[in-house]
Amino acid sequence: MAMVIQTLSAKLGIATGAQSRGTVPAESAAGDCVSWLWGVMEIVAMATDLAEFLGAALGFHLLFGLPLGIGRPTHRGGHLLAF
Protein backbone atom coordinates (compact mmCIF):
# COMPACT_ATOMS: atom_id res chain seq x y z
CA MET A 1 0.00 0.00 0.00
CA ALA A 2 2.79 2.43 0.83
CA MET A 3 4.42 1.76 -2.54
CA VAL A 4 1.16 2.57 -4.34
CA ILE A 5 0.81 5.85 -2.45
CA GLN A 6 4.43 6.79 -3.10
CA THR A 7 4.04 5.99 -6.81
CA LEU A 8 0.90 8.11 -7.07
CA SER A 9 2.61 10.92 -5.18
CA ALA A 10 5.58 10.78 -7.57
CA LYS A 11 3.30 10.83 -10.61
CA LEU A 12 1.42 13.81 -9.19
CA GLY A 13 4.67 15.65 -8.57
CA ILE A 14 5.93 14.95 -12.09
CA ALA A 15 2.64 15.94 -13.72
CA THR A 16 2.22 19.18 -11.78
CA GLY A 17 5.87 20.13 -11.29
CA ALA A 18 5.21 20.68 -7.58
CA GLN A 19 8.22 20.52 -5.27
CA SER A 20 6.31 19.57 -2.12
CA ARG A 21 3.51 17.09 -1.57
CA GLY A 22 1.70 19.60 0.61
CA THR A 23 1.47 22.36 -1.99
CA VAL A 24 -0.66 20.58 -4.58
CA PRO A 25 -3.84 20.13 -2.50
CA ALA A 26 -3.49 23.55 -0.90
CA GLU A 27 -3.34 25.25 -4.28
CA SER A 28 -6.14 23.34 -5.97
CA ALA A 29 -8.71 22.55 -3.24
CA ALA A 30 -10.78 24.24 -0.57
CA GLY A 31 -9.59 24.35 3.05
CA ASP A 32 -12.03 21.68 4.26
CA CYS A 33 -10.97 19.32 1.50
CA VAL A 34 -7.29 19.77 2.36
CA SER A 35 -7.97 18.93 6.02
CA TRP A 36 -9.93 15.85 4.99
CA LEU A 37 -7.15 14.68 2.66
CA TRP A 38 -4.58 15.22 5.40
CA GLY A 39 -6.65 13.12 7.81
CA VAL A 40 -7.04 10.30 5.29
CA MET A 41 -3.30 10.25 4.58
CA GLU A 42 -2.54 10.08 8.32
CA ILE A 43 -4.83 7.05 8.61
CA VAL A 44 -3.15 5.43 5.60
CA ALA A 45 0.30 6.01 7.14
CA MET A 46 -0.82 4.46 10.43
CA ALA A 47 -2.33 1.47 8.64
CA THR A 48 0.86 0.74 6.72
CA ASP A 49 2.95 1.04 9.89
CA LEU A 50 0.58 -1.27 11.75
CA ALA A 51 0.78 -3.85 8.97
CA GLU A 52 4.58 -3.69 9.05
CA PHE A 53 4.77 -4.17 12.82
CA LEU A 54 2.21 -6.96 12.92
CA GLY A 55 3.87 -8.73 10.00
CA ALA A 56 7.27 -8.58 11.68
CA ALA A 57 5.89 -9.76 15.03
CA LEU A 58 4.06 -12.63 13.34
CA GLY A 59 7.18 -13.55 11.37
CA PHE A 60 9.29 -13.67 14.54
CA HIS A 61 6.59 -15.79 16.18
CA LEU A 62 6.48 -18.26 13.30
CA LEU A 63 10.25 -18.47 12.81
CA PHE A 64 11.55 -18.36 16.37
CA GLY A 65 8.50 -18.98 18.56
CA LEU A 66 8.72 -15.54 20.19
CA PRO A 67 5.50 -14.22 21.73
CA LEU A 68 3.83 -11.50 19.67
CA GLY A 69 4.43 -8.92 22.42
CA ILE A 70 8.19 -9.48 22.17
CA GLY A 71 8.25 -9.55 18.35
CA ARG A 72 7.39 -5.88 17.99
CA PRO A 73 10.22 -4.50 20.16
CA THR A 74 12.57 -6.95 18.46
CA HIS A 75 11.53 -5.53 15.10
CA ARG A 76 12.12 -1.96 16.35
CA GLY A 77 15.55 -2.97 17.67
CA GLY A 78 16.44 -4.33 14.24
CA HIS A 79 15.56 -0.96 12.72
CA LEU A 80 17.77 0.83 15.20
CA LEU A 81 20.68 -1.49 14.46
CA ALA A 82 20.23 -1.14 10.70
CA PHE A 83 20.27 2.64 10.80
PDB file of N, CA and C in Angstrom:
ATOM      1  N   MET A   1       0.814  -1.190   0.000  1.00  0.00           N
ATOM      2  CA  MET A   1       0.000   0.000   0.000  1.00  0.00           C
ATOM      3  C   MET A   1       0.858   1.255   0.000  1.00  0.00           C
ATOM      4  N   ALA A   2       1.917   1.253   0.787  1.00  0.00           N
ATOM      5  CA  ALA A   2       2.789   2.426   0.830  1.00  0.00           C
ATOM      6  C   ALA A   2       3.438   2.660  -0.528  1.00  0.00           C
ATOM      7  N   MET A   3       3.803   1.596  -1.227  1.00  0.00           N
ATOM      8  CA  MET A   3       4.421   1.757  -2.542  1.00  0.00           C
ATOM      9  C   MET A   3       3.439   2.367  -3.532  1.00  0.00           C
ATOM     10  N   VAL A   4       2.169   1.993  -3.452  1.00  0.00           N
ATOM     11  CA  VAL A   4       1.155   2.568  -4.337  1.00  0.00           C
ATOM     12  C   VAL A   4       1.011   4.060  -4.070  1.00  0.00           C
ATOM     13  N   ILE A   5       0.954   4.435  -2.807  1.00  0.00           N
ATOM     14  CA  ILE A   5       0.806   5.846  -2.446  1.00  0.00           C
ATOM     15  C   ILE A   5       2.032   6.645  -2.874  1.00  0.00           C
ATOM     16  N   GLN A   6       3.223   6.091  -2.686  1.00  0.00           N
ATOM     17  CA  GLN A   6       4.434   6.792  -3.102  1.00  0.00           C
ATOM     18  C   GLN A   6       4.493   6.938  -4.616  1.00  0.00           C
ATOM     19  N   THR A   7       4.053   5.911  -5.347  1.00  0.00           N
ATOM     20  CA  THR A   7       4.039   5.989  -6.810  1.00  0.00           C
ATOM     21  C   THR A   7       3.068   7.064  -7.276  1.00  0.00           C
ATOM     22  N   LEU A   8       1.875   7.083  -6.695  1.00  0.00           N
ATOM     23  CA  LEU A   8       0.898   8.108  -7.071  1.00  0.00           C
ATOM     24  C   LEU A   8       1.391   9.502  -6.713  1.00  0.00           C
ATOM     25  N   SER A   9       2.060   9.629  -5.580  1.00  0.00           N
ATOM     26  CA  SER A   9       2.612  10.920  -5.183  1.00  0.00           C
ATOM     27  C   SER A   9       3.695  11.369  -6.168  1.00  0.00           C
ATOM     28  N   ALA A  10       4.538  10.441  -6.593  1.00  0.00           N
ATOM     29  CA  ALA A  10       5.584  10.782  -7.565  1.00  0.00           C
ATOM     30  C   ALA A  10       4.975  11.198  -8.895  1.00  0.00           C
ATOM     31  N   LYS A  11       3.958  10.474  -9.354  1.00  0.00           N
ATOM     32  CA  LYS A  11       3.300  10.827 -10.614  1.00  0.00           C
ATOM     33  C   LYS A  11       2.648  12.200 -10.525  1.00  0.00           C
ATOM     34  N   LEU A  12       2.032  12.505  -9.381  1.00  0.00           N
ATOM     35  CA  LEU A  12       1.417  13.810  -9.193  1.00  0.00           C
ATOM     36  C   LEU A  12       2.468  14.912  -9.219  1.00  0.00           C
ATOM     37  N   GLY A  13       3.607  14.667  -8.569  1.00  0.00           N
ATOM     38  CA  GLY A  13       4.674  15.651  -8.574  1.00  0.00           C
ATOM     39  C   GLY A  13       5.255  15.889  -9.954  1.00  0.00           C
ATOM     40  N   ILE A  14       5.403  14.810 -10.728  1.00  0.00           N
ATOM     41  CA  ILE A  14       5.933  14.948 -12.087  1.00  0.00           C
ATOM     42  C   ILE A  14       4.938  15.680 -12.979  1.00  0.00           C
ATOM     43  N   ALA A  15       3.659  15.337 -12.854  1.00  0.00           N
ATOM     44  CA  ALA A  15       2.638  15.940 -13.717  1.00  0.00           C
ATOM     45  C   ALA A  15       2.424  17.416 -13.415  1.00  0.00           C
ATOM     46  N   THR A  16       2.500  17.791 -12.146  1.00  0.00           N
ATOM     47  CA  THR A  16       2.222  19.181 -11.782  1.00  0.00           C
ATOM     48  C   THR A  16       3.476  20.024 -11.636  1.00  0.00           C
ATOM     49  N   GLY A  17       4.634  19.391 -11.499  1.00  0.00           N
ATOM     50  CA  GLY A  17       5.867  20.129 -11.292  1.00  0.00           C
ATOM     51  C   GLY A  17       5.997  20.676  -9.882  1.00  0.00           C
ATOM     52  N   ALA A  18       5.175  20.188  -8.968  1.00  0.00           N
ATOM     53  CA  ALA A  18       5.211  20.683  -7.584  1.00  0.00           C
ATOM     54  C   ALA A  18       6.431  20.122  -6.867  1.00  0.00           C
ATOM     55  N   GLN A  19       7.036  20.936  -6.022  1.00  0.00           N
ATOM     56  CA  GLN A  19       8.216  20.522  -5.271  1.00  0.00           C
ATOM     57  C   GLN A  19       7.849  19.810  -3.980  1.00  0.00           C
ATOM     58  N   SER A  20       6.706  20.119  -3.413  1.00  0.00           N
ATOM     59  CA  SER A  20       6.313  19.571  -2.119  1.00  0.00           C
ATOM     60  C   SER A  20       4.957  18.906  -2.235  1.00  0.00           C
ATOM     61  N   ARG A  21       4.790  17.792  -1.536  1.00  0.00           N
ATOM     62  CA  ARG A  21       3.512  17.090  -1.566  1.00  0.00           C
ATOM     63  C   ARG A  21       2.395  17.942  -0.979  1.00  0.00           C
ATOM     64  N   GLY A  22       2.721  18.815  -0.055  1.00  0.00           N
ATOM     65  CA  GLY A  22       1.701  19.599   0.610  1.00  0.00           C
ATOM     66  C   GLY A  22       1.189  20.768  -0.204  1.00  0.00           C
ATOM     67  N   THR A  23       1.896  21.180  -1.248  1.00  0.00           N
ATOM     68  CA  THR A  23       1.467  22.362  -1.990  1.00  0.00           C
ATOM     69  C   THR A  23       0.380  22.065  -3.002  1.00  0.00           C
ATOM     70  N   VAL A  24       0.310  20.861  -3.528  1.00  0.00           N
ATOM     71  CA  VAL A  24      -0.663  20.576  -4.581  1.00  0.00           C
ATOM     72  C   VAL A  24      -2.094  20.668  -4.057  1.00  0.00           C
ATOM     73  N   PRO A  25      -2.464  19.991  -2.965  1.00  0.00           N
ATOM     74  CA  PRO A  25      -3.845  20.129  -2.503  1.00  0.00           C
ATOM     75  C   PRO A  25      -4.173  21.543  -2.037  1.00  0.00           C
ATOM     76  N   ALA A  26      -3.227  22.210  -1.421  1.00  0.00           N
ATOM     77  CA  ALA A  26      -3.490  23.552  -0.900  1.00  0.00           C
ATOM     78  C   ALA A  26      -3.762  24.536  -2.023  1.00  0.00           C
ATOM     79  N   GLU A  27      -3.157  24.330  -3.168  1.00  0.00           N
ATOM     80  CA  GLU A  27      -3.339  25.254  -4.281  1.00  0.00           C
ATOM     81  C   GLU A  27      -4.599  24.958  -5.082  1.00  0.00           C
ATOM     82  N   SER A  28      -5.052  23.709  -5.072  1.00  0.00           N
ATOM     83  CA  SER A  28      -6.144  23.336  -5.966  1.00  0.00           C
ATOM     84  C   SER A  28      -7.432  22.940  -5.265  1.00  0.00           C
ATOM     85  N   ALA A  29      -7.506  22.985  -3.937  1.00  0.00           N
ATOM     86  CA  ALA A  29      -8.712  22.550  -3.241  1.00  0.00           C
ATOM     87  C   ALA A  29      -9.073  23.535  -2.134  1.00  0.00           C
ATOM     88  N   ALA A  30     -10.304  23.399  -1.667  1.00  0.00           N
ATOM     89  CA  ALA A  30     -10.783  24.240  -0.569  1.00  0.00           C
ATOM     90  C   ALA A  30     -10.157  23.779   0.744  1.00  0.00           C
ATOM     91  N   GLY A  31     -10.214  24.644   1.760  1.00  0.00           N
ATOM     92  CA  GLY A  31      -9.593  24.354   3.051  1.00  0.00           C
ATOM     93  C   GLY A  31     -10.134  23.099   3.711  1.00  0.00           C
ATOM     94  N   ASP A  32     -11.447  22.873   3.659  1.00  0.00           N
ATOM     95  CA  ASP A  32     -12.030  21.680   4.262  1.00  0.00           C
ATOM     96  C   ASP A  32     -11.553  20.416   3.564  1.00  0.00           C
ATOM     97  N   CYS A  33     -11.428  20.480   2.262  1.00  0.00           N
ATOM     98  CA  CYS A  33     -10.973  19.320   1.500  1.00  0.00           C
ATOM     99  C   CYS A  33      -9.524  18.987   1.844  1.00  0.00           C
ATOM    100  N   VAL A  34      -8.697  19.990   2.011  1.00  0.00           N
ATOM    101  CA  VAL A  34      -7.291  19.772   2.357  1.00  0.00           C
ATOM    102  C   VAL A  34      -7.181  19.103   3.724  1.00  0.00           C
ATOM    103  N   SER A  35      -7.987  19.544   4.683  1.00  0.00           N
ATOM    104  CA  SER A  35      -7.973  18.928   6.016  1.00  0.00           C
ATOM    105  C   SER A  35      -8.430  17.484   5.948  1.00  0.00           C
ATOM    106  N   TRP A  36      -9.437  17.213   5.148  1.00  0.00           N
ATOM    107  CA  TRP A  36      -9.933  15.850   4.991  1.00  0.00           C
ATOM    108  C   TRP A  36      -8.865  14.965   4.359  1.00  0.00           C
ATOM    109  N   LEU A  37      -8.214  15.454   3.307  1.00  0.00           N
ATOM    110  CA  LEU A  37      -7.151  14.676   2.656  1.00  0.00           C
ATOM    111  C   LEU A  37      -5.994  14.406   3.612  1.00  0.00           C
ATOM    112  N   TRP A  38      -5.637  15.402   4.411  1.00  0.00           N
ATOM    113  CA  TRP A  38      -4.577  15.217   5.400  1.00  0.00           C
ATOM    114  C   TRP A  38      -4.955  14.123   6.393  1.00  0.00           C
ATOM    115  N   GLY A  39      -6.193  14.143   6.872  1.00  0.00           N
ATOM    116  CA  GLY A  39      -6.655  13.122   7.805  1.00  0.00           C
ATOM    117  C   GLY A  39      -6.624  11.726   7.209  1.00  0.00           C
ATOM    118  N   VAL A  40      -7.052  11.607   5.961  1.00  0.00           N
ATOM    119  CA  VAL A  40      -7.038  10.302   5.290  1.00  0.00           C
ATOM    120  C   VAL A  40      -5.607   9.802   5.122  1.00  0.00           C
ATOM    121  N   MET A  41      -4.691  10.677   4.761  1.00  0.00           N
ATOM    122  CA  MET A  41      -3.300  10.254   4.581  1.00  0.00           C
ATOM    123  C   MET A  41      -2.657   9.845   5.911  1.00  0.00           C
ATOM    124  N   GLU A  42      -3.043  10.497   7.002  1.00  0.00           N
ATOM    125  CA  GLU A  42      -2.544  10.083   8.316  1.00  0.00           C
ATOM    126  C   GLU A  42      -3.028   8.682   8.658  1.00  0.00           C
ATOM    127  N   ILE A  43      -4.285   8.383   8.361  1.00  0.00           N
ATOM    128  CA  ILE A  43      -4.834   7.049   8.611  1.00  0.00           C
ATOM    129  C   ILE A  43      -4.129   6.014   7.747  1.00  0.00           C
ATOM    130  N   VAL A  44      -3.860   6.353   6.497  1.00  0.00           N
ATOM    131  CA  VAL A  44      -3.145   5.432   5.600  1.00  0.00           C
ATOM    132  C   VAL A  44      -1.738   5.162   6.129  1.00  0.00           C
ATOM    133  N   ALA A  45      -1.054   6.194   6.600  1.00  0.00           N
ATOM    134  CA  ALA A  45       0.300   6.007   7.139  1.00  0.00           C
ATOM    135  C   ALA A  45       0.272   5.111   8.373  1.00  0.00           C
ATOM    136  N   MET A  46      -0.715   5.312   9.240  1.00  0.00           N
ATOM    137  CA  MET A  46      -0.820   4.464  10.429  1.00  0.00           C
ATOM    138  C   MET A  46      -1.129   3.024  10.058  1.00  0.00           C
ATOM    139  N   ALA A  47      -1.977   2.825   9.051  1.00  0.00           N
ATOM    140  CA  ALA A  47      -2.332   1.470   8.643  1.00  0.00           C
ATOM    141  C   ALA A  47      -1.130   0.732   8.062  1.00  0.00           C
ATOM    142  N   THR A  48      -0.309   1.411   7.279  1.00  0.00           N
ATOM    143  CA  THR A  48       0.859   0.739   6.719  1.00  0.00           C
ATOM    144  C   THR A  48       1.887   0.428   7.798  1.00  0.00           C
ATOM    145  N   ASP A  49       2.049   1.324   8.778  1.00  0.00           N
ATOM    146  CA  ASP A  49       2.954   1.043   9.894  1.00  0.00           C
ATOM    147  C   ASP A  49       2.460  -0.130  10.723  1.00  0.00           C
ATOM    148  N   LEU A  50       1.153  -0.168  10.972  1.00  0.00           N
ATOM    149  CA  LEU A  50       0.580  -1.267  11.746  1.00  0.00           C
ATOM    150  C   LEU A  50       0.781  -2.599  11.037  1.00  0.00           C
ATOM    151  N   ALA A  51       0.580  -2.611   9.723  1.00  0.00           N
ATOM    152  CA  ALA A  51       0.784  -3.853   8.968  1.00  0.00           C
ATOM    153  C   ALA A  51       2.242  -4.296   9.017  1.00  0.00           C
ATOM    154  N   GLU A  52       3.159  -3.351   8.969  1.00  0.00           N
ATOM    155  CA  GLU A  52       4.581  -3.695   9.045  1.00  0.00           C
ATOM    156  C   GLU A  52       4.926  -4.292  10.406  1.00  0.00           C
ATOM    157  N   PHE A  53       4.467  -3.662  11.484  1.00  0.00           N
ATOM    158  CA  PHE A  53       4.770  -4.168  12.824  1.00  0.00           C
ATOM    159  C   PHE A  53       4.137  -5.530  13.073  1.00  0.00           C
ATOM    160  N   LEU A  54       2.872  -5.679  12.696  1.00  0.00           N
ATOM    161  CA  LEU A  54       2.209  -6.965  12.918  1.00  0.00           C
ATOM    162  C   LEU A  54       2.838  -8.064  12.072  1.00  0.00           C
ATOM    163  N   GLY A  55       3.215  -7.740  10.847  1.00  0.00           N
ATOM    164  CA  GLY A  55       3.874  -8.729   9.996  1.00  0.00           C
ATOM    165  C   GLY A  55       5.211  -9.171  10.563  1.00  0.00           C
ATOM    166  N   ALA A  56       5.975  -8.222  11.088  1.00  0.00           N
ATOM    167  CA  ALA A  56       7.269  -8.575  11.677  1.00  0.00           C
ATOM    168  C   ALA A  56       7.081  -9.404  12.940  1.00  0.00           C
ATOM    169  N   ALA A  57       6.134  -9.012  13.793  1.00  0.00           N
ATOM    170  CA  ALA A  57       5.890  -9.763  15.028  1.00  0.00           C
ATOM    171  C   ALA A  57       5.411 -11.178  14.707  1.00  0.00           C
ATOM    172  N   LEU A  58       4.545 -11.308  13.723  1.00  0.00           N
ATOM    173  CA  LEU A  58       4.060 -12.632  13.336  1.00  0.00           C
ATOM    174  C   LEU A  58       5.183 -13.463  12.727  1.00  0.00           C
ATOM    175  N   GLY A  59       6.039 -12.833  11.944  1.00  0.00           N
ATOM    176  CA  GLY A  59       7.181 -13.547  11.372  1.00  0.00           C
ATOM    177  C   GLY A  59       8.135 -14.057  12.440  1.00  0.00           C
ATOM    178  N   PHE A  60       8.435 -13.221  13.435  1.00  0.00           N
ATOM    179  CA  PHE A  60       9.288 -13.670  14.536  1.00  0.00           C
ATOM    180  C   PHE A  60       8.629 -14.801  15.319  1.00  0.00           C
ATOM    181  N   HIS A  61       7.305 -14.729  15.462  1.00  0.00           N
ATOM    182  CA  HIS A  61       6.593 -15.788  16.179  1.00  0.00           C
ATOM    183  C   HIS A  61       6.667 -17.105  15.407  1.00  0.00           C
ATOM    184  N   LEU A  62       6.458 -17.044  14.106  1.00  0.00           N
ATOM    185  CA  LEU A  62       6.481 -18.262  13.300  1.00  0.00           C
ATOM    186  C   LEU A  62       7.888 -18.841  13.155  1.00  0.00           C
ATOM    187  N   LEU A  63       8.887 -17.982  13.017  1.00  0.00           N
ATOM    188  CA  LEU A  63      10.253 -18.474  12.812  1.00  0.00           C
ATOM    189  C   LEU A  63      10.937 -18.921  14.099  1.00  0.00           C
ATOM    190  N   PHE A  64      10.778 -18.118  15.150  1.00  0.00           N
ATOM    191  CA  PHE A  64      11.546 -18.364  16.368  1.00  0.00           C
ATOM    192  C   PHE A  64      10.696 -18.717  17.583  1.00  0.00           C
ATOM    193  N   GLY A  65       9.374 -18.675  17.448  1.00  0.00           N
ATOM    194  CA  GLY A  65       8.501 -18.984  18.563  1.00  0.00           C
ATOM    195  C   GLY A  65       8.403 -17.890  19.604  1.00  0.00           C
ATOM    196  N   LEU A  66       8.820 -16.661  19.253  1.00  0.00           N
ATOM    197  CA  LEU A  66       8.725 -15.541  20.195  1.00  0.00           C
ATOM    198  C   LEU A  66       7.263 -15.123  20.353  1.00  0.00           C
ATOM    199  N   PRO A  67       6.857 -14.758  21.567  1.00  0.00           N
ATOM    200  CA  PRO A  67       5.498 -14.220  21.732  1.00  0.00           C
ATOM    201  C   PRO A  67       5.325 -12.942  20.910  1.00  0.00           C
ATOM    202  N   LEU A  68       4.087 -12.669  20.507  1.00  0.00           N
ATOM    203  CA  LEU A  68       3.829 -11.500  19.666  1.00  0.00           C
ATOM    204  C   LEU A  68       4.209 -10.202  20.359  1.00  0.00           C
ATOM    205  N   GLY A  69       4.073 -10.134  21.680  1.00  0.00           N
ATOM    206  CA  GLY A  69       4.431  -8.924  22.415  1.00  0.00           C
ATOM    207  C   GLY A  69       5.919  -8.636  22.389  1.00  0.00           C
ATOM    208  N   ILE A  70       6.746  -9.663  22.220  1.00  0.00           N
ATOM    209  CA  ILE A  70       8.195  -9.479  22.166  1.00  0.00           C
ATOM    210  C   ILE A  70       8.650  -9.239  20.722  1.00  0.00           C
ATOM    211  N   GLY A  71       7.877  -9.701  19.758  1.00  0.00           N
ATOM    212  CA  GLY A  71       8.252  -9.547  18.354  1.00  0.00           C
ATOM    213  C   GLY A  71       8.307  -8.112  17.894  1.00  0.00           C
ATOM    214  N   ARG A  72       7.406  -7.274  18.416  1.00  0.00           N
ATOM    215  CA  ARG A  72       7.385  -5.876  17.986  1.00  0.00           C
ATOM    216  C   ARG A  72       8.608  -5.109  18.469  1.00  0.00           C
ATOM    217  N   PRO A  73       8.982  -5.199  19.762  1.00  0.00           N
ATOM    218  CA  PRO A  73      10.218  -4.500  20.162  1.00  0.00           C
ATOM    219  C   PRO A  73      11.458  -5.062  19.472  1.00  0.00           C
ATOM    220  N   THR A  74      11.451  -6.356  19.175  1.00  0.00           N
ATOM    221  CA  THR A  74      12.573  -6.953  18.457  1.00  0.00           C
ATOM    222  C   THR A  74      12.688  -6.357  17.059  1.00  0.00           C
ATOM    223  N   HIS A  75      11.558  -6.143  16.423  1.00  0.00           N
ATOM    224  CA  HIS A  75      11.527  -5.525  15.095  1.00  0.00           C
ATOM    225  C   HIS A  75      12.054  -4.095  15.171  1.00  0.00           C
ATOM    226  N   ARG A  76      11.650  -3.343  16.192  1.00  0.00           N
ATOM    227  CA  ARG A  76      12.121  -1.961  16.352  1.00  0.00           C
ATOM    228  C   ARG A  76      13.629  -1.938  16.616  1.00  0.00           C
ATOM    229  N   GLY A  77      14.110  -2.884  17.409  1.00  0.00           N
ATOM    230  CA  GLY A  77      15.549  -2.970  17.673  1.00  0.00           C
ATOM    231  C   GLY A  77      16.333  -3.253  16.404  1.00  0.00           C
ATOM    232  N   GLY A  78      15.791  -4.065  15.524  1.00  0.00           N
ATOM    233  CA  GLY A  78      16.438  -4.329  14.242  1.00  0.00           C
ATOM    234  C   GLY A  78      16.541  -3.075  13.394  1.00  0.00           C
ATOM    235  N   HIS A  79      15.509  -2.236  13.445  1.00  0.00           N
ATOM    236  CA  HIS A  79      15.559  -0.961  12.719  1.00  0.00           C
ATOM    237  C   HIS A  79      16.657  -0.070  13.281  1.00  0.00           C
ATOM    238  N   LEU A  80      16.759  -0.023  14.595  1.00  0.00           N
ATOM    239  CA  LEU A  80      17.771   0.827  15.203  1.00  0.00           C
ATOM    240  C   LEU A  80      19.182   0.353  14.866  1.00  0.00           C
ATOM    241  N   LEU A  81      19.370  -0.969  14.822  1.00  0.00           N
ATOM    242  CA  LEU A  81      20.679  -1.490  14.464  1.00  0.00           C
ATOM    243  C   LEU A  81      21.009  -1.257  12.996  1.00  0.00           C
ATOM    244  N   ALA A  82      19.999  -1.308  12.137  1.00  0.00           N
ATOM    245  CA  ALA A  82      20.227  -1.140  10.704  1.00  0.00           C
ATOM    246  C   ALA A  82      20.588   0.311  10.367  1.00  0.00           C
ATOM    247  N   PHE A  83      20.033   1.230  11.121  1.00  0.00           N
ATOM    248  CA  PHE A  83      20.268   2.645  10.799  1.00  0.00           C
ATOM    249  C   PHE A  83      21.267   3.227  11.756  1.00  0.00           C
TER     250      PHE A  83
END
